[in-house]
């Protein structure tokens, strides 16, 4: 979780080999919050995992993850509340560290 002035501005979640979520309050984008959260999430994902780290990015977040060193593997969809949402499955090699 990232805070600024006592206010939550973002959060992240990760499991072995996967970044589950990186969220930044829209009022706080382009200030390094997302990069900091992603860096921490990747470190957590690499604990007890030696392969590539994967994530599912929304289409509007694809460029952010690509800039951080992830590459597109495939396009897919996830179903949320009976709605199919397009996602980009991305991964970052275990030894690659652009973050």
Protein backbone atom coordinates (compact mmCIF):
# COMPACT_ATOMS: atom_id res chain seq x y z
CA UNK A 1 0.00 0.00 0.00
CA UNK A 2 1.25 3.49 -0.83
CA UNK A 3 0.25 6.49 1.24
CA UNK A 4 0.77 10.21 0.85
CA UNK A 5 -0.28 12.64 3.54
CA UNK A 6 -2.23 9.95 5.38
CA UNK A 7 -4.22 9.09 2.23
CA UNK A 8 -3.97 5.77 0.37
CA UNK A 9 -2.83 6.54 -3.18
CA UNK A 10 -2.21 3.02 -4.43
CA UNK A 11 -1.78 -0.66 -3.67
CA UNK A 12 -0.39 -3.84 -5.15
CA UNK A 13 -0.64 -7.58 -4.72
CA UNK A 14 1.60 -10.44 -5.82
CA UNK A 15 1.98 -14.19 -5.44
CA UNK A 16 4.74 -16.58 -6.49
CA UNK A 17 5.45 -15.87 -10.16
CA UNK A 18 2.62 -13.41 -10.65
CA UNK A 19 1.74 -9.77 -10.13
CA UNK A 20 -1.95 -9.81 -9.29
CA UNK A 21 -2.71 -6.10 -9.03
CA UNK A 22 -1.15 -2.65 -9.24
CA UNK A 23 -3.57 0.20 -8.68
CA UNK A 24 -2.89 3.93 -8.40
CA UNK A 25 -5.52 6.56 -7.63
CA UNK A 26 -6.05 8.50 -10.89
CA UNK A 27 -5.23 11.73 -9.04
CA UNK A 28 -1.74 10.38 -8.32
CA UNK A 29 -0.62 8.87 -11.64
CA UNK A 30 2.66 9.88 -13.31
CA UNK A 31 4.32 10.50 -9.96
CA UNK A 32 6.26 7.23 -9.61
CA UNK A 33 3.71 5.58 -7.34
CA UNK A 34 2.88 2.80 -9.80
CA UNK A 35 6.53 2.09 -10.55
CA UNK A 36 7.32 1.82 -6.85
CA UNK A 37 4.38 -0.51 -6.24
CA UNK A 38 5.25 -2.63 -9.29
CA UNK A 39 8.91 -2.89 -8.23
CA UNK A 40 7.83 -4.20 -4.82
CA UNK A 41 5.23 -6.57 -6.34
CA UNK A 42 7.82 -8.07 -8.72
CA UNK A 43 10.23 -8.60 -5.81
CA UNK A 44 7.46 -10.43 -3.93
CA UNK A 45 6.55 -12.47 -7.03
CA UNK A 46 10.18 -13.58 -7.41
CA UNK A 47 10.38 -14.92 -3.85
CA UNK A 48 10.38 -18.71 -4.03
CA UNK A 49 9.96 -18.51 -7.83
CA UNK A 50 12.71 -18.76 -10.43
CA UNK A 51 10.86 -18.36 -13.72
CA UNK A 52 9.35 -15.38 -15.48
CA UNK A 53 6.91 -13.16 -13.62
CA UNK A 54 3.51 -12.89 -15.30
CA UNK A 55 0.59 -10.50 -15.08
CA UNK A 56 -2.66 -9.71 -16.87
CA UNK A 57 -2.76 -6.05 -17.90
CA UNK A 58 -5.78 -4.09 -18.96
CA UNK A 59 -5.35 -2.54 -22.39
CA UNK A 60 -4.83 0.95 -20.94
CA UNK A 61 -2.03 -0.33 -18.64
CA UNK A 62 -0.13 -2.28 -21.30
CA UNK A 63 2.31 0.53 -22.13
CA UNK A 64 3.10 1.09 -18.44
CA UNK A 65 4.10 -2.55 -17.98
CA UNK A 66 5.99 -2.65 -21.26
CA UNK A 67 7.99 0.39 -20.15
CA UNK A 68 8.81 -1.48 -16.95
CA UNK A 69 10.27 -4.41 -18.87
CA UNK A 70 7.33 -6.74 -19.41
CA UNK A 71 6.56 -8.10 -22.86
CA UNK A 72 3.26 -9.21 -24.33
CA UNK A 73 2.74 -12.98 -24.51
CA UNK A 74 -0.85 -13.12 -25.73
CA UNK A 75 -4.24 -11.39 -25.69
CA UNK A 76 -7.07 -12.88 -23.69
CA UNK A 77 -10.21 -11.97 -21.78
CA UNK A 78 -11.30 -12.27 -18.16
CA UNK A 79 -14.91 -12.34 -17.02
CA UNK A 80 -15.93 -9.91 -14.28
CA UNK A 81 -19.59 -9.54 -13.27
CA UNK A 82 -20.73 -11.32 -16.45
CA UNK A 83 -18.68 -9.00 -18.67
CA UNK A 84 -15.69 -10.13 -20.77
CA UNK A 85 -12.79 -7.71 -20.33
CA UNK A 86 -9.86 -7.82 -22.77
CA UNK A 87 -6.45 -8.24 -21.15
CA UNK A 88 -2.86 -8.59 -22.26
CA UNK A 89 -0.92 -11.44 -20.67
CA UNK A 90 2.62 -10.18 -20.11
CA UNK A 91 5.79 -11.52 -18.55
CA UNK A 92 9.20 -10.37 -17.41
CA UNK A 93 12.16 -12.75 -17.41
CA UNK A 94 13.62 -13.66 -14.04
CA UNK A 95 16.95 -12.00 -14.81
CA UNK A 96 15.55 -8.89 -16.51
CA UNK A 97 15.31 -5.82 -14.30
CA UNK A 98 14.30 -2.56 -15.98
CA UNK A 99 12.25 -1.38 -13.04
